[in-house]
Amino acid sequence: LKAGATIPFDRAWAIENGPGRFDPDAPKHLPKIAFLMLMR
């Protein structure tokens, strides 16, 4: 583990559910409803 980091490769990818707001050039935390996820 590195300081200030997650376990390497933990949730390093997500599946956008249709057109999304995630910008890989300016990544920001987005609510999980933007992605396919187990809650739904």
PDB file of all heavy atoms in Angstrom:
ATOM      1  N   LEU A   1       0.830  -1.198   0.000  1.00  0.00           N
ATOM      2  CA  LEU A   1       0.000   0.000   0.000  1.00  0.00           C
ATOM      3  C   LEU A   1       0.868   1.252   0.000  1.00  0.00           C
ATOM      4  O   LEU A   1       1.920   1.296   0.635  1.00  0.00           O
ATOM      5  CB  LEU A   1      -0.900   0.022   1.242  1.00  0.00           C
ATOM      6  CG  LEU A   1      -1.875  -1.146   1.389  1.00  0.00           C
ATOM      7  CD1 LEU A   1      -2.607  -1.045   2.715  1.00  0.00           C
ATOM      8  CD2 LEU A   1      -2.851  -1.192   0.233  1.00  0.00           C
ATOM      9  N   LYS A   2       0.392   2.277  -0.711  1.00  0.00           N
ATOM     10  CA  LYS A   2       1.029   3.582  -0.704  1.00  0.00           C
ATOM     11  C   LYS A   2       0.190   4.549   0.131  1.00  0.00           C
ATOM     12  O   LYS A   2      -1.032   4.421   0.198  1.00  0.00           O
ATOM     13  CB  LYS A   2       1.173   4.124  -2.131  1.00  0.00           C
ATOM     14  CG  LYS A   2       2.104   3.311  -3.012  1.00  0.00           C
ATOM     15  CD  LYS A   2       2.197   3.917  -4.403  1.00  0.00           C
ATOM     16  CE  LYS A   2       3.140   3.126  -5.288  1.00  0.00           C
ATOM     17  NZ  LYS A   2       3.219   3.703  -6.662  1.00  0.00           N
ATOM     18  N   ALA A   3       0.848   5.523   0.751  1.00  0.00           N
ATOM     19  CA  ALA A   3       0.129   6.523   1.541  1.00  0.00           C
ATOM     20  C   ALA A   3      -0.838   7.296   0.656  1.00  0.00           C
ATOM     21  O   ALA A   3      -0.496   7.691  -0.468  1.00  0.00           O
ATOM     22  CB  ALA A   3       1.112   7.471   2.218  1.00  0.00           C
ATOM     23  N   GLY A   4      -2.043   7.493   1.163  1.00  0.00           N
ATOM     24  CA  GLY A   4      -3.035   8.280   0.443  1.00  0.00           C
ATOM     25  C   GLY A   4      -3.628   7.612  -0.773  1.00  0.00           C
ATOM     26  O   GLY A   4      -4.296   8.268  -1.581  1.00  0.00           O
ATOM     27  N   ALA A   5      -3.444   6.295  -0.903  1.00  0.00           N
ATOM     28  CA  ALA A   5      -3.940   5.575  -2.077  1.00  0.00           C
ATOM     29  C   ALA A   5      -4.808   4.398  -1.656  1.00  0.00           C
ATOM     30  O   ALA A   5      -4.785   3.954  -0.502  1.00  0.00           O
ATOM     31  CB  ALA A   5      -2.780   5.082  -2.937  1.00  0.00           C
ATOM     32  N   THR A   6      -5.575   3.885  -2.602  1.00  0.00           N
ATOM     33  CA  THR A   6      -6.348   2.678  -2.376  1.00  0.00           C
ATOM     34  C   THR A   6      -5.456   1.455  -2.562  1.00  0.00           C
ATOM     35  O   THR A   6      -4.285   1.575  -2.928  1.00  0.00           O
ATOM     36  CB  THR A   6      -7.508   2.581  -3.382  1.00  0.00           C
ATOM     37  OG1 THR A   6      -6.957   2.463  -4.702  1.00  0.00           O
ATOM     38  CG2 THR A   6      -8.404   3.806  -3.325  1.00  0.00           C
ATOM     39  N   ILE A   7      -5.997   0.273  -2.330  1.00  0.00           N
ATOM     40  CA  ILE A   7      -5.324  -0.948  -2.776  1.00  0.00           C
ATOM     41  C   ILE A   7      -5.140  -0.833  -4.294  1.00  0.00           C
ATOM     42  O   ILE A   7      -6.059  -0.416  -4.999  1.00  0.00           O
ATOM     43  CB  ILE A   7      -6.165  -2.188  -2.409  1.00  0.00           C
ATOM     44  CG1 ILE A   7      -6.053  -2.462  -0.900  1.00  0.00           C
ATOM     45  CG2 ILE A   7      -5.731  -3.402  -3.211  1.00  0.00           C
ATOM     46  CD1 ILE A   7      -6.853  -3.647  -0.422  1.00  0.00           C
ATOM     47  N   PRO A   8      -3.961  -1.124  -4.816  1.00  0.00           N
ATOM     48  CA  PRO A   8      -3.741  -0.976  -6.257  1.00  0.00           C
ATOM     49  C   PRO A   8      -4.819  -1.683  -7.090  1.00  0.00           C
ATOM     50  O   PRO A   8      -5.177  -2.827  -6.812  1.00  0.00           O
ATOM     51  CB  PRO A   8      -2.367  -1.622  -6.470  1.00  0.00           C
ATOM     52  CG  PRO A   8      -1.666  -1.424  -5.159  1.00  0.00           C
ATOM     53  CD  PRO A   8      -2.735  -1.589  -4.120  1.00  0.00           C
ATOM     54  N   PHE A   9      -5.340  -0.938  -8.077  1.00  0.00           N
ATOM     55  CA  PHE A   9      -6.371  -1.412  -9.002  1.00  0.00           C
ATOM     56  C   PHE A   9      -7.740  -1.604  -8.347  1.00  0.00           C
ATOM     57  O   PHE A   9      -8.636  -2.180  -8.969  1.00  0.00           O
ATOM     58  CB  PHE A   9      -5.945  -2.718  -9.710  1.00  0.00           C
ATOM     59  CG  PHE A   9      -4.774  -2.547 -10.619  1.00  0.00           C
ATOM     60  CD1 PHE A   9      -3.521  -3.031 -10.255  1.00  0.00           C
ATOM     61  CD2 PHE A   9      -4.901  -1.906 -11.837  1.00  0.00           C
ATOM     62  CE1 PHE A   9      -2.431  -2.892 -11.097  1.00  0.00           C
ATOM     63  CE2 PHE A   9      -3.808  -1.751 -12.680  1.00  0.00           C
ATOM     64  CZ  PHE A   9      -2.570  -2.235 -12.312  1.00  0.00           C
ATOM     65  N   ASP A  10      -7.926  -1.122  -7.125  1.00  0.00           N
ATOM     66  CA  ASP A  10      -9.249  -1.241  -6.518  1.00  0.00           C
ATOM     67  C   ASP A  10     -10.192  -0.205  -7.137  1.00  0.00           C
ATOM     68  O   ASP A  10      -9.945   0.994  -7.050  1.00  0.00           O
ATOM     69  CB  ASP A  10      -9.175  -1.036  -5.002  1.00  0.00           C
ATOM     70  CG  ASP A  10     -10.511  -1.295  -4.326  1.00  0.00           C
ATOM     71  OD1 ASP A  10     -11.119  -2.343  -4.620  1.00  0.00           O
ATOM     72  OD2 ASP A  10     -10.942  -0.454  -3.518  1.00  0.00           O
ATOM     73  N   ARG A  11     -11.244  -0.694  -7.792  1.00  0.00           N
ATOM     74  CA  ARG A  11     -12.234   0.164  -8.443  1.00  0.00           C
ATOM     75  C   ARG A  11     -11.563   1.152  -9.410  1.00  0.00           C
ATOM     76  O   ARG A  11     -11.923   2.325  -9.484  1.00  0.00           O
ATOM     77  CB  ARG A  11     -13.081   0.888  -7.402  1.00  0.00           C
ATOM     78  CG  ARG A  11     -13.906  -0.085  -6.532  1.00  0.00           C
ATOM     79  CD  ARG A  11     -14.480   0.603  -5.308  1.00  0.00           C
ATOM     80  NE  ARG A  11     -15.375  -0.254  -4.547  1.00  0.00           N
ATOM     81  CZ  ARG A  11     -14.986  -1.062  -3.556  1.00  0.00           C
ATOM     82  NH1 ARG A  11     -13.705  -1.142  -3.238  1.00  0.00           N
ATOM     83  NH2 ARG A  11     -15.864  -1.792  -2.901  1.00  0.00           N
ATOM     84  N   ALA A  12     -10.572   0.641 -10.119  1.00  0.00           N
ATOM     85  CA  ALA A  12      -9.839   1.472 -11.078  1.00  0.00           C
ATOM     86  C   ALA A  12     -10.649   1.721 -12.345  1.00  0.00           C
ATOM     87  O   ALA A  12     -10.352   2.652 -13.093  1.00  0.00           O
ATOM     88  CB  ALA A  12      -8.504   0.819 -11.431  1.00  0.00           C
ATOM     89  N   TRP A  13     -11.665   0.885 -12.575  1.00  0.00           N
ATOM     90  CA  TRP A  13     -12.561   1.061 -13.720  1.00  0.00           C
ATOM     91  C   TRP A  13     -14.004   1.047 -13.232  1.00  0.00           C
ATOM     92  O   TRP A  13     -14.315   0.479 -12.184  1.00  0.00           O
ATOM     93  CB  TRP A  13     -12.368  -0.062 -14.737  1.00  0.00           C
ATOM     94  CG  TRP A  13     -11.073  -0.024 -15.461  1.00  0.00           C
ATOM     95  CD1 TRP A  13     -10.796   0.611 -16.651  1.00  0.00           C
ATOM     96  CD2 TRP A  13      -9.834  -0.645 -15.075  1.00  0.00           C
ATOM     97  NE1 TRP A  13      -9.483   0.441 -17.005  1.00  0.00           N
ATOM     98  CE2 TRP A  13      -8.866  -0.344 -16.064  1.00  0.00           C
ATOM     99  CE3 TRP A  13      -9.453  -1.435 -13.993  1.00  0.00           C
ATOM    100  CZ2 TRP A  13      -7.558  -0.790 -15.991  1.00  0.00           C
ATOM    101  CZ3 TRP A  13      -8.147  -1.879 -13.911  1.00  0.00           C
ATOM    102  CH2 TRP A  13      -7.215  -1.558 -14.907  1.00  0.00           C
ATOM    103  N   ALA A  14     -14.858   1.687 -14.007  1.00  0.00           N
ATOM    104  CA  ALA A  14     -16.295   1.647 -13.761  1.00  0.00           C
ATOM    105  C   ALA A  14     -17.002   1.590 -15.104  1.00  0.00           C
ATOM    106  O   ALA A  14     -16.415   1.898 -16.149  1.00  0.00           O
ATOM    107  CB  ALA A  14     -16.757   2.868 -12.963  1.00  0.00           C
ATOM    108  N   ILE A  15     -18.272   1.187 -15.080  1.00  0.00           N
ATOM    109  CA  ILE A  15     -19.050   1.061 -16.314  1.00  0.00           C
ATOM    110  C   ILE A  15     -20.106   2.156 -16.325  1.00  0.00           C
ATOM    111  O   ILE A  15     -21.073   2.103 -15.556  1.00  0.00           O
ATOM    112  CB  ILE A  15     -19.718  -0.320 -16.419  1.00  0.00           C
ATOM    113  CG1 ILE A  15     -18.698  -1.445 -16.209  1.00  0.00           C
ATOM    114  CG2 ILE A  15     -20.411  -0.465 -17.783  1.00  0.00           C
ATOM    115  CD1 ILE A  15     -19.331  -2.803 -15.950  1.00  0.00           C
ATOM    116  N   GLU A  16     -19.898   3.167 -17.169  1.00  0.00           N
ATOM    117  CA  GLU A  16     -20.900   4.216 -17.297  1.00  0.00           C
ATOM    118  C   GLU A  16     -22.182   3.632 -17.876  1.00  0.00           C
ATOM    119  O   GLU A  16     -22.154   2.859 -18.845  1.00  0.00           O
ATOM    120  CB  GLU A  16     -20.402   5.343 -18.200  1.00  0.00           C
ATOM    121  CG  GLU A  16     -19.460   6.300 -17.505  1.00  0.00           C
ATOM    122  CD  GLU A  16     -19.185   7.541 -18.338  1.00  0.00           C
ATOM    123  OE1 GLU A  16     -19.114   7.433 -19.575  1.00  0.00           O
ATOM    124  OE2 GLU A  16     -19.012   8.611 -17.726  1.00  0.00           O
ATOM    125  N   ASN A  17     -23.305   4.037 -17.295  1.00  0.00           N
ATOM    126  CA  ASN A  17     -24.608   3.572 -17.759  1.00  0.00           C
ATOM    127  C   ASN A  17     -25.148   4.575 -18.766  1.00  0.00           C
ATOM    128  O   ASN A  17     -25.890   5.490 -18.431  1.00  0.00           O
ATOM    129  CB  ASN A  17     -25.556   3.423 -16.570  1.00  0.00           C
ATOM    130  CG  ASN A  17     -26.866   2.773 -16.976  1.00  0.00           C
ATOM    131  OD1 ASN A  17     -27.122   2.547 -18.150  1.00  0.00           O
ATOM    132  ND2 ASN A  17     -27.706   2.488 -16.000  1.00  0.00           N
ATOM    133  N   GLY A  18     -24.751   4.414 -20.020  1.00  0.00           N
ATOM    134  CA  GLY A  18     -25.127   5.376 -21.041  1.00  0.00           C
ATOM    135  C   GLY A  18     -24.234   6.600 -20.983  1.00  0.00           C
ATOM    136  O   GLY A  18     -23.230   6.624 -20.257  1.00  0.00           O
ATOM    137  N   PRO A  19     -24.583   7.640 -21.734  1.00  0.00           N
ATOM    138  CA  PRO A  19     -23.749   8.859 -21.763  1.00  0.00           C
ATOM    139  C   PRO A  19     -23.511   9.390 -20.357  1.00  0.00           C
ATOM    140  O   PRO A  19     -24.452   9.550 -19.576  1.00  0.00           O
ATOM    141  CB  PRO A  19     -24.593   9.831 -22.593  1.00  0.00           C
ATOM    142  CG  PRO A  19     -25.456   8.963 -23.438  1.00  0.00           C
ATOM    143  CD  PRO A  19     -25.758   7.748 -22.603  1.00  0.00           C
ATOM    144  N   GLY A  20     -22.225   9.633 -20.030  1.00  0.00           N
ATOM    145  CA  GLY A  20     -21.893  10.011 -18.658  1.00  0.00           C
ATOM    146  C   GLY A  20     -21.102  11.301 -18.570  1.00  0.00           C
ATOM    147  O   GLY A  20     -20.726  11.901 -19.575  1.00  0.00           O
ATOM    148  N   ARG A  21     -20.827  11.684 -17.325  1.00  0.00           N
ATOM    149  CA  ARG A  21     -20.137  12.947 -17.048  1.00  0.00           C
ATOM    150  C   ARG A  21     -18.683  12.747 -16.692  1.00  0.00           C
ATOM    151  O   ARG A  21     -17.981  13.713 -16.403  1.00  0.00           O
ATOM    152  CB  ARG A  21     -20.837  13.669 -15.887  1.00  0.00           C
ATOM    153  CG  ARG A  21     -22.253  14.123 -16.200  1.00  0.00           C
ATOM    154  CD  ARG A  21     -22.856  14.835 -14.989  1.00  0.00           C
ATOM    155  NE  ARG A  21     -23.154  13.906 -13.907  1.00  0.00           N
ATOM    156  CZ  ARG A  21     -22.994  14.181 -12.617  1.00  0.00           C
ATOM    157  NH1 ARG A  21     -22.477  15.335 -12.240  1.00  0.00           N
ATOM    158  NH2 ARG A  21     -23.312  13.296 -11.697  1.00  0.00           N
ATOM    159  N   PHE A  22     -18.199  11.489 -16.677  1.00  0.00           N
ATOM    160  CA  PHE A  22     -16.818  11.272 -16.247  1.00  0.00           C
ATOM    161  C   PHE A  22     -15.857  11.712 -17.335  1.00  0.00           C
ATOM    162  O   PHE A  22     -15.959  11.302 -18.487  1.00  0.00           O
ATOM    163  CB  PHE A  22     -16.580   9.804 -15.898  1.00  0.00           C
ATOM    164  CG  PHE A  22     -15.200   9.559 -15.370  1.00  0.00           C
ATOM    165  CD1 PHE A  22     -14.871   9.923 -14.076  1.00  0.00           C
ATOM    166  CD2 PHE A  22     -14.219   8.986 -16.167  1.00  0.00           C
ATOM    167  CE1 PHE A  22     -13.585   9.719 -13.580  1.00  0.00           C
ATOM    168  CE2 PHE A  22     -12.937   8.776 -15.688  1.00  0.00           C
ATOM    169  CZ  PHE A  22     -12.626   9.146 -14.391  1.00  0.00           C
ATOM    170  N   ASP A  23     -14.905  12.567 -16.940  1.00  0.00           N
ATOM    171  CA  ASP A  23     -13.894  13.081 -17.862  1.00  0.00           C
ATOM    172  C   ASP A  23     -12.535  12.536 -17.430  1.00  0.00           C
ATOM    173  O   ASP A  23     -12.003  12.951 -16.399  1.00  0.00           O
ATOM    174  CB  ASP A  23     -13.889  14.611 -17.831  1.00  0.00           C
ATOM    175  CG  ASP A  23     -12.872  15.222 -18.795  1.00  0.00           C
ATOM    176  OD1 ASP A  23     -12.109  14.458 -19.433  1.00  0.00           O
ATOM    177  OD2 ASP A  23     -12.834  16.462 -18.900  1.00  0.00           O
ATOM    178  N   PRO A  24     -11.940  11.613 -18.195  1.00  0.00           N
ATOM    179  CA  PRO A  24     -10.653  11.038 -17.790  1.00  0.00           C
ATOM    180  C   PRO A  24      -9.518  12.051 -17.734  1.00  0.00           C
ATOM    181  O   PRO A  24      -8.507  11.825 -17.063  1.00  0.00           O
ATOM    182  CB  PRO A  24     -10.395   9.963 -18.853  1.00  0.00           C
ATOM    183  CG  PRO A  24     -11.246  10.344 -20.010  1.00  0.00           C
ATOM    184  CD  PRO A  24     -12.434  11.031 -19.445  1.00  0.00           C
ATOM    185  N   ASP A  25      -9.683  13.177 -18.424  1.00  0.00           N
ATOM    186  CA  ASP A  25      -8.648  14.212 -18.378  1.00  0.00           C
ATOM    187  C   ASP A  25      -8.790  15.130 -17.162  1.00  0.00           C
ATOM    188  O   ASP A  25      -7.852  15.858 -16.823  1.00  0.00           O
ATOM    189  CB  ASP A  25      -8.702  15.059 -19.657  1.00  0.00           C
ATOM    190  CG  ASP A  25      -8.353  14.246 -20.895  1.00  0.00           C
ATOM    191  OD1 ASP A  25      -7.449  13.392 -20.794  1.00  0.00           O
ATOM    192  OD2 ASP A  25      -8.994  14.443 -21.940  1.00  0.00           O
ATOM    193  N   ALA A  26      -9.959  15.107 -16.543  1.00  0.00           N
ATOM    194  CA  ALA A  26     -10.204  15.885 -15.323  1.00  0.00           C
ATOM    195  C   ALA A  26     -11.103  15.065 -14.409  1.00  0.00           C
ATOM    196  O   ALA A  26     -12.278  15.393 -14.184  1.00  0.00           O
ATOM    197  CB  ALA A  26     -10.857  17.224 -15.659  1.00  0.00           C
ATOM    198  N   PRO A  27     -10.578  13.946 -13.886  1.00  0.00           N
ATOM    199  CA  PRO A  27     -11.422  13.011 -13.131  1.00  0.00           C
ATOM    200  C   PRO A  27     -11.917  13.605 -11.816  1.00  0.00           C
ATOM    201  O   PRO A  27     -11.156  14.227 -11.079  1.00  0.00           O
ATOM    202  CB  PRO A  27     -10.501  11.815 -12.884  1.00  0.00           C
ATOM    203  CG  PRO A  27      -9.112  12.372 -12.984  1.00  0.00           C
ATOM    204  CD  PRO A  27      -9.174  13.480 -13.980  1.00  0.00           C
ATOM    205  N   LYS A  28     -13.194  13.423 -11.567  1.00  0.00           N
ATOM    206  CA  LYS A  28     -13.819  13.858 -10.316  1.00  0.00           C
ATOM    207  C   LYS A  28     -14.695  12.733  -9.784  1.00  0.00           C
ATOM    208  O   LYS A  28     -15.189  11.905 -10.548  1.00  0.00           O
ATOM    209  CB  LYS A  28     -14.665  15.113 -10.552  1.00  0.00           C
ATOM    210  CG  LYS A  28     -13.872  16.348 -10.951  1.00  0.00           C
ATOM    211  CD  LYS A  28     -14.807  17.537 -11.154  1.00  0.00           C
ATOM    212  CE  LYS A  28     -14.031  18.791 -11.570  1.00  0.00           C
ATOM    213  NZ  LYS A  28     -14.932  19.950 -11.801  1.00  0.00           N
ATOM    214  N   HIS A  29     -14.877  12.765  -8.463  1.00  0.00           N
ATOM    215  CA  HIS A  29     -15.766  11.777  -7.860  1.00  0.00           C
ATOM    216  C   HIS A  29     -17.198  12.049  -8.304  1.00  0.00           C
ATOM    217  O   HIS A  29     -17.677  13.186  -8.264  1.00  0.00           O
ATOM    218  CB  HIS A  29     -15.678  11.847  -6.328  1.00  0.00           C
ATOM    219  CG  HIS A  29     -16.583  10.878  -5.643  1.00  0.00           C
ATOM    220  ND1 HIS A  29     -17.805  11.228  -5.124  1.00  0.00           N
ATOM    221  CD2 HIS A  29     -16.450   9.551  -5.415  1.00  0.00           C
ATOM    222  CE1 HIS A  29     -18.384  10.172  -4.590  1.00  0.00           C
ATOM    223  NE2 HIS A  29     -17.592   9.148  -4.752  1.00  0.00           N
ATOM    224  N   LEU A  30     -17.874  11.001  -8.751  1.00  0.00           N
ATOM    225  CA  LEU A  30     -19.267  11.103  -9.185  1.00  0.00           C
ATOM    226  C   LEU A  30     -20.115  10.145  -8.359  1.00  0.00           C
ATOM    227  O   LEU A  30     -19.634   9.114  -7.880  1.00  0.00           O
ATOM    228  CB  LEU A  30     -19.396  10.744 -10.661  1.00  0.00           C
ATOM    229  CG  LEU A  30     -18.744  11.698 -11.664  1.00  0.00           C
ATOM    230  CD1 LEU A  30     -18.838  11.105 -13.074  1.00  0.00           C
ATOM    231  CD2 LEU A  30     -19.387  13.072 -11.623  1.00  0.00           C
ATOM    232  N   PRO A  31     -21.408  10.445  -8.180  1.00  0.00           N
ATOM    233  CA  PRO A  31     -22.276   9.513  -7.439  1.00  0.00           C
ATOM    234  C   PRO A  31     -22.372   8.182  -8.166  1.00  0.00           C
ATOM    235  O   PRO A  31     -22.305   8.123  -9.404  1.00  0.00           O
ATOM    236  CB  PRO A  31     -23.624  10.239  -7.405  1.00  0.00           C
ATOM    237  CG  PRO A  31     -23.563  11.244  -8.505  1.00  0.00           C
ATOM    238  CD  PRO A  31     -22.138  11.651  -8.628  1.00  0.00           C
ATOM    239  N   LYS A  32     -22.547   7.123  -7.393  1.00  0.00           N
ATOM    240  CA  LYS A  32     -22.524   5.785  -7.985  1.00  0.00           C
ATOM    241  C   LYS A  32     -23.658   5.551  -8.971  1.00  0.00           C
ATOM    242  O   LYS A  32     -23.570   4.648  -9.821  1.00  0.00           O
ATOM    243  CB  LYS A  32     -22.542   4.725  -6.883  1.00  0.00           C
ATOM    244  CG  LYS A  32     -23.714   4.795  -5.939  1.00  0.00           C
ATOM    245  CD  LYS A  32     -23.497   3.828  -4.796  1.00  0.00           C
ATOM    246  CE  LYS A  32     -24.539   3.979  -3.709  1.00  0.00           C
ATOM    247  NZ  LYS A  32     -24.247   3.093  -2.564  1.00  0.00           N
ATOM    248  N   ILE A  33     -24.717   6.359  -8.917  1.00  0.00           N
ATOM    249  CA  ILE A  33     -25.826   6.170  -9.856  1.00  0.00           C
ATOM    250  C   ILE A  33     -25.407   6.468 -11.290  1.00  0.00           C
ATOM    251  O   ILE A  33     -26.129   6.142 -12.233  1.00  0.00           O
ATOM    252  CB  ILE A  33     -27.043   7.037  -9.477  1.00  0.00           C
ATOM    253  CG1 ILE A  33     -26.665   8.523  -9.428  1.00  0.00           C
ATOM    254  CG2 ILE A  33     -27.642   6.588  -8.157  1.00  0.00           C
ATOM    255  CD1 ILE A  33     -27.867   9.441  -9.271  1.00  0.00           C
ATOM    256  N   ALA A  34     -24.236   7.089 -11.490  1.00  0.00           N
ATOM    257  CA  ALA A  34     -23.735   7.332 -12.847  1.00  0.00           C
ATOM    258  C   ALA A  34     -23.237   6.051 -13.507  1.00  0.00           C
ATOM    259  O   ALA A  34     -23.016   6.031 -14.719  1.00  0.00           O
ATOM    260  CB  ALA A  34     -22.608   8.365 -12.801  1.00  0.00           C
ATOM    261  N   PHE A  35     -23.072   5.000 -12.708  1.00  0.00           N
ATOM    262  CA  PHE A  35     -22.448   3.776 -13.200  1.00  0.00           C
ATOM    263  C   PHE A  35     -23.351   2.568 -12.931  1.00  0.00           C
ATOM    264  O   PHE A  35     -24.259   2.623 -12.105  1.00  0.00           O
ATOM    265  CB  PHE A  35     -21.101   3.569 -12.505  1.00  0.00           C
ATOM    266  CG  PHE A  35     -20.214   4.787 -12.540  1.00  0.00           C
ATOM    267  CD1 PHE A  35     -20.078   5.606 -11.426  1.00  0.00           C
ATOM    268  CD2 PHE A  35     -19.530   5.123 -13.702  1.00  0.00           C
ATOM    269  CE1 PHE A  35     -19.279   6.735 -11.462  1.00  0.00           C
ATOM    270  CE2 PHE A  35     -18.719   6.245 -13.753  1.00  0.00           C
ATOM    271  CZ  PHE A  35     -18.597   7.056 -12.630  1.00  0.00           C
ATOM    272  N   LEU A  36     -23.070   1.472 -13.614  1.00  0.00           N
ATOM    273  CA  LEU A  36     -23.701   0.220 -13.243  1.00  0.00           C
ATOM    274  C   LEU A  36     -23.191  -0.174 -11.860  1.00  0.00           C
ATOM    275  O   LEU A  36     -21.988  -0.145 -11.605  1.00  0.00           O
ATOM    276  CB  LEU A  36     -23.367  -0.879 -14.262  1.00  0.00           C
ATOM    277  CG  LEU A  36     -24.011  -0.737 -15.643  1.00  0.00           C
ATOM    278  CD1 LEU A  36     -23.544  -1.870 -16.549  1.00  0.00           C
ATOM    279  CD2 LEU A  36     -25.526  -0.708 -15.568  1.00  0.00           C
ATOM    280  N   MET A  37     -24.107  -0.548 -10.977  1.00  0.00           N
ATOM    281  CA  MET A  37     -23.701  -0.874  -9.598  1.00  0.00           C
ATOM    282  C   MET A  37     -24.759  -1.756  -8.953  1.00  0.00           C
ATOM    283  O   MET A  37     -25.926  -1.765  -9.351  1.00  0.00           O
ATOM    284  CB  MET A  37     -23.432   0.410  -8.783  1.00  0.00           C
ATOM    285  CG  MET A  37     -24.413   1.526  -9.016  1.00  0.00           C
ATOM    286  SD  MET A  37     -25.914   1.394  -8.039  1.00  0.00           S
ATOM    287  CE  MET A  37     -26.867   2.776  -8.651  1.00  0.00           C
ATOM    288  N   LEU A  38     -24.342  -2.463  -7.907  1.00  0.00           N
ATOM    289  CA  LEU A  38     -25.182  -3.489  -7.297  1.00  0.00           C
ATOM    290  C   LEU A  38     -26.411  -2.927  -6.599  1.00  0.00           C
ATOM    291  O   LEU A  38     -27.410  -3.634  -6.453  1.00  0.00           O
ATOM    292  CB  LEU A  38     -24.354  -4.315  -6.303  1.00  0.00           C
ATOM    293  CG  LEU A  38     -23.355  -5.285  -6.940  1.00  0.00           C
ATOM    294  CD1 LEU A  38     -22.432  -5.846  -5.872  1.00  0.00           C
ATOM    295  CD2 LEU A  38     -24.062  -6.408  -7.667  1.00  0.00           C
ATOM    296  N   MET A  39     -26.363  -1.683  -6.153  1.00  0.00           N
ATOM    297  CA  MET A  39     -27.523  -1.112  -5.459  1.00  0.00           C
ATOM    298  C   MET A  39     -28.776  -1.210  -6.324  1.00  0.00           C
ATOM    299  O   MET A  39     -29.861  -1.476  -5.846  1.00  0.00           O
ATOM    300  CB  MET A  39     -27.255   0.349  -5.081  1.00  0.00           C
ATOM    301  CG  MET A  39     -28.370   0.982  -4.261  1.00  0.00           C
ATOM    302  SD  MET A  39     -28.019   2.691  -3.808  1.00  0.00           S
ATOM    303  CE  MET A  39     -28.436   3.534  -5.354  1.00  0.00           C
ATOM    304  N   ARG A  40     -28.578  -1.042  -7.634  1.00  0.00           N
ATOM    305  CA  ARG A  40     -29.715  -1.051  -8.548  1.00  0.00           C
ATOM    306  C   ARG A  40     -29.659  -2.222  -9.534  1.00  0.00           C
ATOM    307  O   ARG A  40     -30.691  -2.670 -10.042  1.00  0.00           O
ATOM    308  CB  ARG A  40     -29.733   0.261  -9.330  1.00  0.00           C
ATOM    309  CG  ARG A  40     -30.916   0.454 -10.274  1.00  0.00           C
ATOM    310  CD  ARG A  40     -30.840   1.813 -10.934  1.00  0.00           C
ATOM    311  NE  ARG A  40     -29.534   1.989 -11.580  1.00  0.00           N
ATOM    312  CZ  ARG A  40     -29.003   3.195 -11.853  1.00  0.00           C
ATOM    313  NH1 ARG A  40     -29.646   4.291 -11.518  1.00  0.00           N
ATOM    314  NH2 ARG A  40     -27.839   3.281 -12.450  1.00  0.00           N
TER     315      ARG A  40
END
